Amino acid sequence: MRALTTIAASTCLTGFLMAAQSAEARITRIEITKIEAAFAGQSFGKVGSYERVVGNAYGEVDPTAESNVIIQDINLAPRNQRGMVEYVTDIDILRPADLGKSNGVLFFNIVNRGNKGGLSLFNVDMPFETTANNNLASAGDGFLQRQGYVIVWFGWQADVAPGSDRLTMHVPIARNPDQSSITGLVRSELTTSPLIVPPAATTTLDLSSGWFTKLATHPYPTVSLANRTSLPDGFLPRLTVRRHEFEPRTPIPNTEWAFGACGSGEPATSDTQICYPAGFRPGFLYELTYRAKDPLVLGLGFAAACNPFTYRLPNAPKHRAPT
């Protein structure tokens, strides 16, 4: 697929400095879905208890602004009536229940693959478990809370799949000017964990089943489920296997695998999974090269990281979702 162009950190810093006169991007609406006592009402010294605010932020980006035109495919993204490109992101906020006891400092933690990590970097005795930290099961020794910090997390990686309380982001799919799908080659490394005990072969994997992307990333769909039929330009998807990184790749015949999920009969239809009845062996590196479609405008995540505190509309309406 098309390469993802990153936005340098200096762009974000420039946005902070130019916030007063810029209208290139903004949060247009914040929807709060839940406000609850954090950490089961635990009190943190003079600051007292904390509350957790969960919801969604709706934003838009000006695709013609100088700082945004470098975002890959933003010129091919759908636009709203104002000519802006929209996105929606999950937000999660920890704040003192009595805001007057805050220290006035905002701790903005960039999540990794949708997972929160800020608390465990500063608070001692945090659980060593991703899901527990994502759902704020414990504050550990509460160091940041005793200081009165307000902590903000939000999703910025639009290919992250929901689950395990990960923070996600929704961005548009880029399309050609005639609204047809954009297509491109994807080389996907497929692995199963060598730590499985006892070792067992897996017959079905997502097309994004790499070491870091397994179960938490949306795969790009294949343009065709017919892996044994060449596309009009002669392209045919290819699956290979090797034991170590620098060993030669051994092709696996296309008659031995298919796009879809393995079952008792023919593979169930799926354009984001691969079925290999012989089984993907733990510890082996499989590589699938296929023609994919419908790229997400992933670079919006970098623009969104600069938006919440620099471009928010002074009178942006807040909507409380029904409970």
C-alpha atoms as a PDB file:
ATOM      1  CA  MET A   1       0.000   0.000   0.000  1.00  0.00           C
ATOM      2  CA  ARG A   2       1.044   3.605  -0.130  1.00  0.00           C
ATOM      3  CA  ALA A   3       3.730   4.594   2.309  1.00  0.00           C
ATOM      4  CA  LEU A   4       2.603   6.426   5.406  1.00  0.00           C
ATOM      5  CA  THR A   5       4.172   9.872   5.594  1.00  0.00           C
ATOM      6  CA  THR A   6       4.879  10.922   9.162  1.00  0.00           C
ATOM      7  CA  ILE A   7       4.502  14.407  10.503  1.00  0.00           C
ATOM      8  CA  ALA A   8       7.577  15.607  12.334  1.00  0.00           C
ATOM      9  CA  ALA A   9       7.276  16.515  15.995  1.00  0.00           C
ATOM     10  CA  SER A  10       8.217  20.076  15.087  1.00  0.00           C
ATOM     11  CA  THR A  11       4.940  20.350  13.162  1.00  0.00           C
ATOM     12  CA  CYS A  12       3.013  19.650  16.356  1.00  0.00           C
ATOM     13  CA  LEU A  13       5.119  22.164  18.276  1.00  0.00           C
ATOM     14  CA  THR A  14       4.506  24.762  15.587  1.00  0.00           C
ATOM     15  CA  GLY A  15       0.786  24.109  15.958  1.00  0.00           C
ATOM     16  CA  PHE A  16       1.008  24.926  19.668  1.00  0.00           C
ATOM     17  CA  LEU A  17       2.789  28.186  18.960  1.00  0.00           C
ATOM     18  CA  MET A  18       0.385  29.223  16.190  1.00  0.00           C
ATOM     19  CA  ALA A  19      -2.836  28.085  17.854  1.00  0.00           C
ATOM     20  CA  ALA A  20      -4.206  31.583  18.359  1.00  0.00           C
ATOM     21  CA  GLN A  21      -4.316  32.416  14.655  1.00  0.00           C
ATOM     22  CA  SER A  22      -4.701  28.962  13.081  1.00  0.00           C
ATOM     23  CA  ALA A  23      -7.888  27.249  11.966  1.00  0.00           C
ATOM     24  CA  GLU A  24      -6.258  24.305  10.196  1.00  0.00           C
ATOM     25  CA  ALA A  25      -7.691  21.621  12.483  1.00  0.00           C
ATOM     26  CA  ARG A  26     -10.006  21.374  15.439  1.00  0.00           C
ATOM     27  CA  ILE A  27     -12.096  19.272  17.752  1.00  0.00           C
ATOM     28  CA  THR A  28     -15.705  20.052  16.837  1.00  0.00           C
ATOM     29  CA  ARG A  29     -17.577  17.970  19.392  1.00  0.00           C
ATOM     30  CA  ILE A  30     -16.882  15.957  22.512  1.00  0.00           C
ATOM     31  CA  GLU A  31     -19.287  13.232  23.552  1.00  0.00           C
ATOM     32  CA  ILE A  32     -18.991  11.967  27.132  1.00  0.00           C
ATOM     33  CA  THR A  33     -20.307   8.431  27.514  1.00  0.00           C
ATOM     34  CA  LYS A  34     -19.283   7.740  31.107  1.00  0.00           C
ATOM     35  CA  ILE A  35     -18.076   9.533  34.230  1.00  0.00           C
ATOM     36  CA  GLU A  36     -17.219   7.292  37.164  1.00  0.00           C
ATOM     37  CA  ALA A  37     -15.151   7.134  40.316  1.00  0.00           C
ATOM     38  CA  ALA A  38     -11.620   5.997  39.464  1.00  0.00           C
ATOM     39  CA  PHE A  39      -9.728   3.291  41.352  1.00  0.00           C
ATOM     40  CA  ALA A  40     -12.838   2.314  43.352  1.00  0.00           C
ATOM     41  CA  GLY A  41     -12.935   5.715  45.044  1.00  0.00           C
ATOM     42  CA  GLN A  42      -9.406   5.471  46.453  1.00  0.00           C
ATOM     43  CA  SER A  43      -8.167   8.710  48.036  1.00  0.00           C
ATOM     44  CA  PHE A  44      -4.738  10.155  47.241  1.00  0.00           C
ATOM     45  CA  GLY A  45      -3.579  12.332  50.134  1.00  0.00           C
ATOM     46  CA  LYS A  46      -4.547  15.985  49.988  1.00  0.00           C
ATOM     47  CA  VAL A  47      -5.767  15.654  46.391  1.00  0.00           C
ATOM     48  CA  GLY A  48      -8.452  13.181  47.372  1.00  0.00           C
ATOM     49  CA  SER A  49     -10.255  10.871  44.970  1.00  0.00           C
ATOM     50  CA  TYR A  50     -10.118  10.806  41.166  1.00  0.00           C
ATOM     51  CA  GLU A  51     -12.780  10.378  38.533  1.00  0.00           C
ATOM     52  CA  ARG A  52     -12.548   8.861  35.074  1.00  0.00           C
ATOM     53  CA  VAL A  53     -14.131  10.534  32.045  1.00  0.00           C
ATOM     54  CA  VAL A  54     -14.637   8.354  28.954  1.00  0.00           C
ATOM     55  CA  GLY A  55     -15.996   9.346  25.575  1.00  0.00           C
ATOM     56  CA  ASN A  56     -15.249  10.327  21.997  1.00  0.00           C
ATOM     57  CA  ALA A  57     -13.779  13.393  20.363  1.00  0.00           C
ATOM     58  CA  TYR A  58     -14.945  14.380  16.893  1.00  0.00           C
ATOM     59  CA  GLY A  59     -12.431  16.347  14.882  1.00  0.00           C
ATOM     60  CA  GLU A  60     -11.741  17.709  11.450  1.00  0.00           C
ATOM     61  CA  VAL A  61      -8.633  18.642   9.505  1.00  0.00           C
ATOM     62  CA  ASP A  62      -8.207  21.145   6.682  1.00  0.00           C
ATOM     63  CA  PRO A  63      -6.705  19.054   3.847  1.00  0.00           C
ATOM     64  CA  THR A  64      -5.456  22.165   2.060  1.00  0.00           C
ATOM     65  CA  ALA A  65      -3.477  23.569   5.004  1.00  0.00           C
ATOM     66  CA  GLU A  66       0.285  23.560   4.532  1.00  0.00           C
ATOM     67  CA  SER A  67       0.863  21.412   7.617  1.00  0.00           C
ATOM     68  CA  ASN A  68      -1.669  18.804   6.467  1.00  0.00           C
ATOM     69  CA  VAL A  69      -1.056  18.337   2.726  1.00  0.00           C
ATOM     70  CA  ILE A  70       1.876  16.040   3.542  1.00  0.00           C
ATOM     71  CA  ILE A  71      -0.538  13.495   5.054  1.00  0.00           C
ATOM     72  CA  GLN A  72      -0.592  10.564   2.638  1.00  0.00           C
ATOM     73  CA  ASP A  73      -3.805  10.385   0.569  1.00  0.00           C
ATOM     74  CA  ILE A  74      -5.568  13.193   2.450  1.00  0.00           C
ATOM     75  CA  ASN A  75      -6.408  14.702  -0.940  1.00  0.00           C
ATOM     76  CA  LEU A  76      -8.357  11.505  -1.695  1.00  0.00           C
ATOM     77  CA  ALA A  77     -10.325  11.431   1.562  1.00  0.00           C
ATOM     78  CA  PRO A  78     -14.039  12.345   1.666  1.00  0.00           C
ATOM     79  CA  ARG A  79     -14.825  15.861   2.885  1.00  0.00           C
ATOM     80  CA  ASN A  80     -17.719  17.345   4.801  1.00  0.00           C
ATOM     81  CA  GLN A  81     -19.755  20.401   3.780  1.00  0.00           C
ATOM     82  CA  ARG A  82     -16.989  22.677   5.086  1.00  0.00           C
ATOM     83  CA  GLY A  83     -14.378  20.933   2.970  1.00  0.00           C
ATOM     84  CA  MET A  84     -12.810  19.285   6.008  1.00  0.00           C
ATOM     85  CA  VAL A  85     -11.694  15.678   6.540  1.00  0.00           C
ATOM     86  CA  GLU A  86     -13.272  14.207   9.667  1.00  0.00           C
ATOM     87  CA  TYR A  87     -12.158  11.660  12.253  1.00  0.00           C
ATOM     88  CA  VAL A  88     -13.381  10.267  15.592  1.00  0.00           C
ATOM     89  CA  THR A  89     -11.157   9.151  18.447  1.00  0.00           C
ATOM     90  CA  ASP A  90     -11.667   7.512  21.836  1.00  0.00           C
ATOM     91  CA  ILE A  91     -10.741   9.662  24.830  1.00  0.00           C
ATOM     92  CA  ASP A  92     -10.034   8.647  28.423  1.00  0.00           C
ATOM     93  CA  ILE A  93      -9.315  11.234  31.134  1.00  0.00           C
ATOM     94  CA  LEU A  94      -8.291  10.930  34.779  1.00  0.00           C
ATOM     95  CA  ARG A  95      -8.855  14.054  36.847  1.00  0.00           C
ATOM     96  CA  PRO A  96      -9.221  14.936  40.539  1.00  0.00           C
ATOM     97  CA  ALA A  97     -12.861  14.736  41.565  1.00  0.00           C
ATOM     98  CA  ASP A  98     -12.283  18.204  43.022  1.00  0.00           C
ATOM     99  CA  LEU A  99     -10.584  20.027  40.137  1.00  0.00           C
ATOM    100  CA  GLY A 100      -9.575  22.764  42.540  1.00  0.00           C
ATOM    101  CA  LYS A 101      -7.052  20.293  43.966  1.00  0.00           C
ATOM    102  CA  SER A 102      -5.385  19.695  40.616  1.00  0.00           C
ATOM    103  CA  ASN A 103      -1.797  20.902  40.248  1.00  0.00           C
ATOM    104  CA  GLY A 104      -2.787  22.604  37.004  1.00  0.00           C
ATOM    105  CA  VAL A 105      -0.558  20.336  34.874  1.00  0.00           C
ATOM    106  CA  LEU A 106      -1.883  18.155  32.068  1.00  0.00           C
ATOM    107  CA  PHE A 107      -0.122  14.816  31.540  1.00  0.00           C
ATOM    108  CA  PHE A 108      -0.752  13.886  27.883  1.00  0.00           C
ATOM    109  CA  ASN A 109       0.275  10.256  27.339  1.00  0.00           C
ATOM    110  CA  ILE A 110       0.683   8.972  23.775  1.00  0.00           C
ATOM    111  CA  VAL A 111      -0.703   5.418  23.705  1.00  0.00           C
ATOM    112  CA  ASN A 112       1.159   2.519  22.059  1.00  0.00           C
ATOM    113  CA  ARG A 113      -1.020   0.351  19.802  1.00  0.00           C
ATOM    114  CA  GLY A 114      -3.969   1.729  21.754  1.00  0.00           C
ATOM    115  CA  ASN A 115      -2.509   0.715  25.116  1.00  0.00           C
ATOM    116  CA  LYS A 116      -1.988   3.090  28.034  1.00  0.00           C
ATOM    117  CA  GLY A 117       1.521   3.233  29.478  1.00  0.00           C
ATOM    118  CA  GLY A 118       1.904   6.524  31.302  1.00  0.00           C
ATOM    119  CA  LEU A 119       0.848   5.455  34.772  1.00  0.00           C
ATOM    120  CA  SER A 120       3.122   2.423  34.855  1.00  0.00           C
ATOM    121  CA  LEU A 121       6.123   4.588  33.961  1.00  0.00           C
ATOM    122  CA  PHE A 122       5.702   6.785  37.038  1.00  0.00           C
ATOM    123  CA  ASN A 123       3.556   4.926  39.559  1.00  0.00           C
ATOM    124  CA  VAL A 124       5.241   2.075  41.415  1.00  0.00           C
ATOM    125  CA  ASP A 125       3.575  -1.340  41.837  1.00  0.00           C
ATOM    126  CA  MET A 126       1.381  -1.143  38.752  1.00  0.00           C
ATOM    127  CA  PRO A 127       0.136  -4.517  37.489  1.00  0.00           C
ATOM    128  CA  PHE A 128       2.271  -6.054  34.748  1.00  0.00           C
ATOM    129  CA  GLU A 129      -0.721  -6.692  32.522  1.00  0.00           C
ATOM    130  CA  THR A 130      -1.820  -4.609  29.551  1.00  0.00           C
ATOM    131  CA  THR A 131      -5.580  -5.002  29.884  1.00  0.00           C
ATOM    132  CA  ALA A 132      -5.503  -4.225  33.607  1.00  0.00           C
ATOM    133  CA  ASN A 133      -3.581  -1.021  32.926  1.00  0.00           C
ATOM    134  CA  ASN A 134      -5.894  -0.103  30.041  1.00  0.00           C
ATOM    135  CA  ASN A 135      -8.988  -0.329  32.240  1.00  0.00           C
ATOM    136  CA  LEU A 136      -7.199   1.473  35.098  1.00  0.00           C
ATOM    137  CA  ALA A 137      -7.597  -1.425  37.521  1.00  0.00           C
ATOM    138  CA  SER A 138      -4.958  -0.011  39.863  1.00  0.00           C
ATOM    139  CA  ALA A 139      -3.068   3.213  40.509  1.00  0.00           C
ATOM    140  CA  GLY A 140      -0.118   1.408  42.086  1.00  0.00           C
ATOM    141  CA  ASP A 141       1.405   3.730  44.681  1.00  0.00           C
ATOM    142  CA  GLY A 142      -0.581   6.653  43.181  1.00  0.00           C
ATOM    143  CA  PHE A 143       2.433   8.940  42.684  1.00  0.00           C
ATOM    144  CA  LEU A 144       0.903  10.994  39.840  1.00  0.00           C
ATOM    145  CA  GLN A 145      -2.454  11.159  41.601  1.00  0.00           C
ATOM    146  CA  ARG A 146      -0.938  12.432  44.846  1.00  0.00           C
ATOM    147  CA  GLN A 147       0.633  15.226  42.803  1.00  0.00           C
ATOM    148  CA  GLY A 148      -2.730  16.203  41.318  1.00  0.00           C
ATOM    149  CA  TYR A 149      -2.034  15.600  37.620  1.00  0.00           C
ATOM    150  CA  VAL A 150      -4.822  15.479  35.048  1.00  0.00           C
ATOM    151  CA  ILE A 151      -4.017  12.593  32.669  1.00  0.00           C
ATOM    152  CA  VAL A 152      -5.349  12.339  29.116  1.00  0.00           C
ATOM    153  CA  TRP A 153      -5.230   9.433  26.671  1.00  0.00           C
ATOM    154  CA  PHE A 154      -6.787   9.159  23.223  1.00  0.00           C
ATOM    155  CA  GLY A 155      -6.547   6.885  20.212  1.00  0.00           C
ATOM    156  CA  TRP A 156      -4.382   8.059  17.332  1.00  0.00           C
ATOM    157  CA  GLN A 157      -3.588   4.826  15.428  1.00  0.00           C
ATOM    158  CA  ALA A 158      -6.537   4.104  13.160  1.00  0.00           C
ATOM    159  CA  ASP A 159      -5.492   0.544  12.307  1.00  0.00           C
ATOM    160  CA  VAL A 160      -5.752  -0.567  15.952  1.00  0.00           C
ATOM    161  CA  ALA A 161      -8.580  -3.043  16.504  1.00  0.00           C
ATOM    162  CA  PRO A 162     -10.889  -2.712  19.535  1.00  0.00           C
ATOM    163  CA  GLY A 163     -10.570  -5.054  22.501  1.00  0.00           C
ATOM    164  CA  SER A 164      -8.774  -5.244  25.856  1.00  0.00           C
ATOM    165  CA  ASP A 165      -9.866  -1.641  26.519  1.00  0.00           C
ATOM    166  CA  ARG A 166      -7.575  -0.321  23.781  1.00  0.00           C
ATOM    167  CA  LEU A 167      -8.139   3.233  22.567  1.00  0.00           C
ATOM    168  CA  THR A 168      -9.096   3.364  18.894  1.00  0.00           C
ATOM    169  CA  MET A 169      -9.506   5.951  16.172  1.00  0.00           C
ATOM    170  CA  HIS A 170     -11.761   6.050  13.124  1.00  0.00           C
ATOM    171  CA  VAL A 171     -10.537   7.741   9.940  1.00  0.00           C
ATOM    172  CA  PRO A 172     -11.896   7.699   6.383  1.00  0.00           C
ATOM    173  CA  ILE A 173     -10.844   5.373   3.584  1.00  0.00           C
ATOM    174  CA  ALA A 174      -9.061   7.059   0.691  1.00  0.00           C
ATOM    175  CA  ARG A 175     -10.611   6.487  -2.733  1.00  0.00           C
ATOM    176  CA  ASN A 176      -9.780   7.391  -6.308  1.00  0.00           C
ATOM    177  CA  PRO A 177     -11.495  10.500  -7.740  1.00  0.00           C
ATOM    178  CA  ASP A 178     -14.054   8.232  -9.448  1.00  0.00           C
ATOM    179  CA  GLN A 179     -14.740   6.615  -6.015  1.00  0.00           C
ATOM    180  CA  SER A 180     -13.190   3.305  -7.058  1.00  0.00           C
ATOM    181  CA  SER A 181     -10.943   1.488  -4.560  1.00  0.00           C
ATOM    182  CA  ILE A 182      -7.277   2.344  -4.318  1.00  0.00           C
ATOM    183  CA  THR A 183      -5.200  -0.822  -4.496  1.00  0.00           C
ATOM    184  CA  GLY A 184      -1.574  -1.696  -3.833  1.00  0.00           C
ATOM    185  CA  LEU A 185       0.798  -4.487  -2.848  1.00  0.00           C
ATOM    186  CA  VAL A 186       1.084  -5.572   0.782  1.00  0.00           C
ATOM    187  CA  ARG A 187       3.852  -7.812   2.110  1.00  0.00           C
ATOM    188  CA  SER A 188       2.612  -9.273   5.355  1.00  0.00           C
ATOM    189  CA  GLU A 189       4.770 -11.355   7.699  1.00  0.00           C
ATOM    190  CA  LEU A 190       2.634 -13.995   9.419  1.00  0.00           C
ATOM    191  CA  THR A 191       3.831 -15.639  12.619  1.00  0.00           C
ATOM    192  CA  THR A 192       2.464 -17.761  15.430  1.00  0.00           C
ATOM    193  CA  SER A 193       3.995 -17.591  18.875  1.00  0.00           C
ATOM    194  CA  PRO A 194       6.838 -20.072  19.504  1.00  0.00           C
ATOM    195  CA  LEU A 195       5.930 -19.808  23.199  1.00  0.00           C
ATOM    196  CA  ILE A 196       2.733 -21.849  22.842  1.00  0.00           C
ATOM    197  CA  VAL A 197       2.915 -24.899  25.136  1.00  0.00           C
ATOM    198  CA  PRO A 198       2.463 -27.461  23.780  1.00  0.00           C
ATOM    199  CA  PRO A 199       3.405 -26.131  20.311  1.00  0.00           C
ATOM    200  CA  ALA A 200       0.444 -26.304  17.963  1.00  0.00           C
ATOM    201  CA  ALA A 201      -0.062 -25.345  14.349  1.00  0.00           C
ATOM    202  CA  THR A 202      -2.705 -22.714  13.575  1.00  0.00           C
ATOM    203  CA  THR A 203      -4.725 -23.112  10.389  1.00  0.00           C
ATOM    204  CA  THR A 204      -6.283 -19.617  10.203  1.00  0.00           C
ATOM    205  CA  LEU A 205      -4.570 -16.260  10.662  1.00  0.00           C
ATOM    206  CA  ASP A 206      -5.527 -12.645  10.069  1.00  0.00           C
ATOM    207  CA  LEU A 207      -3.638 -11.039   7.205  1.00  0.00           C
ATOM    208  CA  SER A 208      -1.951  -8.796   9.786  1.00  0.00           C
ATOM    209  CA  SER A 209      -0.714 -11.555  12.092  1.00  0.00           C
ATOM    210  CA  GLY A 210       2.800 -10.250  12.650  1.00  0.00           C
ATOM    211  CA  TRP A 211       4.636 -10.290  15.969  1.00  0.00           C
ATOM    212  CA  PHE A 212       3.379  -6.813  17.005  1.00  0.00           C
ATOM    213  CA  THR A 213       0.177  -6.625  14.968  1.00  0.00           C
ATOM    214  CA  LYS A 214      -1.471  -9.923  15.876  1.00  0.00           C
ATOM    215  CA  LEU A 215      -5.049  -9.570  17.185  1.00  0.00           C
ATOM    216  CA  ALA A 216      -4.753  -5.794  17.576  1.00  0.00           C
ATOM    217  CA  THR A 217      -4.583  -4.502  14.014  1.00  0.00           C
ATOM    218  CA  HIS A 218      -7.138  -4.252  11.227  1.00  0.00           C
ATOM    219  CA  PRO A 219      -5.746  -6.042   8.137  1.00  0.00           C
ATOM    220  CA  TYR A 220      -6.056  -4.545   4.672  1.00  0.00           C
ATOM    221  CA  PRO A 221      -8.549  -6.652   2.681  1.00  0.00           C
ATOM    222  CA  THR A 222      -7.494  -8.527  -0.440  1.00  0.00           C
ATOM    223  CA  VAL A 223      -8.921  -7.313  -3.740  1.00  0.00           C
ATOM    224  CA  SER A 224      -9.875 -10.875  -4.697  1.00  0.00           C
ATOM    225  CA  LEU A 225     -10.602 -14.105  -2.849  1.00  0.00           C
ATOM    226  CA  ALA A 226      -9.515 -16.127  -5.897  1.00  0.00           C
ATOM    227  CA  ASN A 227      -5.893 -16.757  -4.952  1.00  0.00           C
ATOM    228  CA  ARG A 228      -5.406 -19.243  -7.809  1.00  0.00           C
ATOM    229  CA  THR A 229      -6.560 -16.852 -10.546  1.00  0.00           C
ATOM    230  CA  SER A 230      -4.241 -14.116 -11.785  1.00  0.00           C
ATOM    231  CA  LEU A 231      -5.505 -10.546 -11.727  1.00  0.00           C
ATOM    232  CA  PRO A 232      -5.903  -8.778 -15.101  1.00  0.00           C
ATOM    233  CA  ASP A 233      -2.320  -7.495 -14.900  1.00  0.00           C
ATOM    234  CA  GLY A 234      -1.005 -11.012 -14.289  1.00  0.00           C
ATOM    235  CA  PHE A 235      -0.407 -10.623 -10.550  1.00  0.00           C
ATOM    236  CA  LEU A 236      -0.869 -13.685  -8.365  1.00  0.00           C
ATOM    237  CA  PRO A 237      -0.590 -13.617  -4.536  1.00  0.00           C
ATOM    238  CA  ARG A 238       2.337 -15.575  -3.073  1.00  0.00           C
ATOM    239  CA  LEU A 239       2.830 -17.342   0.257  1.00  0.00           C
ATOM    240  CA  THR A 240       6.289 -18.447   1.383  1.00  0.00           C
ATOM    241  CA  VAL A 241       7.860 -19.938   4.512  1.00  0.00           C
ATOM    242  CA  ARG A 242      11.324 -19.907   6.070  1.00  0.00           C
ATOM    243  CA  ARG A 243      12.757 -20.917   9.437  1.00  0.00           C
ATOM    244  CA  HIS A 244      15.077 -17.957   9.961  1.00  0.00           C
ATOM    245  CA  GLU A 245      15.145 -14.401   8.645  1.00  0.00           C
ATOM    246  CA  PHE A 246      18.070 -14.834   6.263  1.00  0.00           C
ATOM    247  CA  GLU A 247      17.140 -18.257   4.922  1.00  0.00           C
ATOM    248  CA  PRO A 248      15.736 -18.526   1.380  1.00  0.00           C
ATOM    249  CA  ARG A 249      11.950 -18.367   1.098  1.00  0.00           C
ATOM    250  CA  THR A 250      10.198 -21.591   0.133  1.00  0.00           C
ATOM    251  CA  PRO A 251       7.023 -21.015  -1.898  1.00  0.00           C
ATOM    252  CA  ILE A 252       3.817 -22.706  -0.738  1.00  0.00           C
ATOM    253  CA  PRO A 253       1.625 -23.620  -3.738  1.00  0.00           C
ATOM    254  CA  ASN A 254      -1.535 -21.559  -4.038  1.00  0.00           C
ATOM    255  CA  THR A 255      -3.515 -24.795  -4.158  1.00  0.00           C
ATOM    256  CA  GLU A 256      -2.548 -25.418  -0.521  1.00  0.00           C
ATOM    257  CA  TRP A 257      -3.944 -22.201   0.979  1.00  0.00           C
ATOM    258  CA  ALA A 258      -6.841 -19.797   0.442  1.00  0.00           C
ATOM    259  CA  PHE A 259      -8.168 -16.450   1.552  1.00  0.00           C
ATOM    260  CA  GLY A 260     -10.720 -17.134   4.274  1.00  0.00           C
ATOM    261  CA  ALA A 261     -11.125 -18.989   7.571  1.00  0.00           C
ATOM    262  CA  CYS A 262     -10.543 -22.732   7.747  1.00  0.00           C
ATOM    263  CA  GLY A 263     -13.469 -24.928   8.706  1.00  0.00           C
ATOM    264  CA  SER A 264     -14.662 -28.474   8.254  1.00  0.00           C
ATOM    265  CA  GLY A 265     -15.253 -27.903   4.534  1.00  0.00           C
ATOM    266  CA  GLU A 266     -14.345 -25.070   2.196  1.00  0.00           C
ATOM    267  CA  PRO A 267     -12.834 -21.962   3.863  1.00  0.00           C
ATOM    268  CA  ALA A 268     -15.436 -19.489   5.077  1.00  0.00           C
ATOM    269  CA  THR A 269     -15.415 -16.313   3.013  1.00  0.00           C
ATOM    270  CA  SER A 270     -13.155 -13.617   4.443  1.00  0.00           C
ATOM    271  CA  ASP A 271     -11.058 -11.028   2.651  1.00  0.00           C
ATOM    272  CA  THR A 272      -8.945 -10.335   5.759  1.00  0.00           C
ATOM    273  CA  GLN A 273      -7.941 -13.900   6.744  1.00  0.00           C
ATOM    274  CA  ILE A 274      -5.862 -16.726   5.325  1.00  0.00           C
ATOM    275  CA  CYS A 275      -6.547 -20.471   5.618  1.00  0.00           C
ATOM    276  CA  TYR A 276      -3.659 -22.946   5.475  1.00  0.00           C
ATOM    277  CA  PRO A 277      -4.981 -26.447   6.314  1.00  0.00           C
ATOM    278  CA  ALA A 278      -1.467 -27.846   6.825  1.00  0.00           C
ATOM    279  CA  GLY A 279      -1.066 -25.340   9.660  1.00  0.00           C
ATOM    280  CA  PHE A 280       1.175 -22.350  10.307  1.00  0.00           C
ATOM    281  CA  ARG A 281       3.917 -23.787  12.512  1.00  0.00           C
ATOM    282  CA  PRO A 282       5.042 -21.871  15.610  1.00  0.00           C
ATOM    283  CA  GLY A 283       8.474 -20.333  15.208  1.00  0.00           C
ATOM    284  CA  PHE A 284       8.379 -20.256  11.393  1.00  0.00           C
ATOM    285  CA  LEU A 285       8.153 -17.053   9.354  1.00  0.00           C
ATOM    286  CA  TYR A 286       5.455 -17.003   6.698  1.00  0.00           C
ATOM    287  CA  GLU A 287       5.288 -14.160   4.203  1.00  0.00           C
ATOM    288  CA  LEU A 288       2.230 -13.281   2.155  1.00  0.00           C
ATOM    289  CA  THR A 289       2.408 -10.831  -0.744  1.00  0.00           C
ATOM    290  CA  TYR A 290      -1.025  -9.853  -1.996  1.00  0.00           C
ATOM    291  CA  ARG A 291      -2.938  -7.047  -3.693  1.00  0.00           C
ATOM    292  CA  ALA A 292      -4.948  -5.112  -1.122  1.00  0.00           C
ATOM    293  CA  LYS A 293      -7.484  -2.299  -1.258  1.00  0.00           C
ATOM    294  CA  ASP A 294      -9.013   0.603   0.668  1.00  0.00           C
ATOM    295  CA  PRO A 295      -6.122   2.339   2.482  1.00  0.00           C
ATOM    296  CA  LEU A 296      -6.980   4.287   5.618  1.00  0.00           C
ATOM    297  CA  VAL A 297      -5.794   7.872   5.897  1.00  0.00           C
ATOM    298  CA  LEU A 298      -3.559   6.872   8.800  1.00  0.00           C
ATOM    299  CA  GLY A 299      -1.580  10.111   8.884  1.00  0.00           C
ATOM    300  CA  LEU A 300      -4.606  11.830  10.430  1.00  0.00           C
ATOM    301  CA  GLY A 301      -3.488  10.296  13.711  1.00  0.00           C
ATOM    302  CA  PHE A 302      -0.459  12.575  13.794  1.00  0.00           C
ATOM    303  CA  ALA A 303      -2.569  15.634  13.041  1.00  0.00           C
ATOM    304  CA  ALA A 304      -5.065  14.622  15.724  1.00  0.00           C
ATOM    305  CA  ALA A 305      -2.265  14.417  18.288  1.00  0.00           C
ATOM    306  CA  CYS A 306      -1.820  18.164  17.907  1.00  0.00           C
ATOM    307  CA  ASN A 307      -5.515  19.035  17.883  1.00  0.00           C
ATOM    308  CA  PRO A 308      -7.062  18.549  21.343  1.00  0.00           C
ATOM    309  CA  PHE A 309      -5.191  21.323  23.117  1.00  0.00           C
ATOM    310  CA  THR A 310      -4.342  23.717  20.307  1.00  0.00           C
ATOM    311  CA  TYR A 311      -7.309  23.853  17.963  1.00  0.00           C
ATOM    312  CA  ARG A 312     -10.358  23.216  20.104  1.00  0.00           C
ATOM    313  CA  LEU A 313     -13.182  25.589  19.319  1.00  0.00           C
ATOM    314  CA  PRO A 314     -13.801  27.970  22.227  1.00  0.00           C
ATOM    315  CA  ASN A 315     -17.509  27.175  22.207  1.00  0.00           C
ATOM    316  CA  ALA A 316     -17.430  23.603  20.905  1.00  0.00           C
ATOM    317  CA  PRO A 317     -20.650  21.940  22.097  1.00  0.00           C
ATOM    318  CA  LYS A 318     -20.408  19.059  24.538  1.00  0.00           C
ATOM    319  CA  HIS A 319     -22.911  16.266  24.213  1.00  0.00           C
ATOM    320  CA  ARG A 320     -23.637  13.771  26.941  1.00  0.00           C
ATOM    321  CA  ALA A 321     -24.597  10.440  25.410  1.00  0.00           C
ATOM    322  CA  PRO A 322     -27.728   8.818  26.791  1.00  0.00           C
ATOM    323  CA  THR A 323     -27.119   6.220  29.481  1.00  0.00           C
END
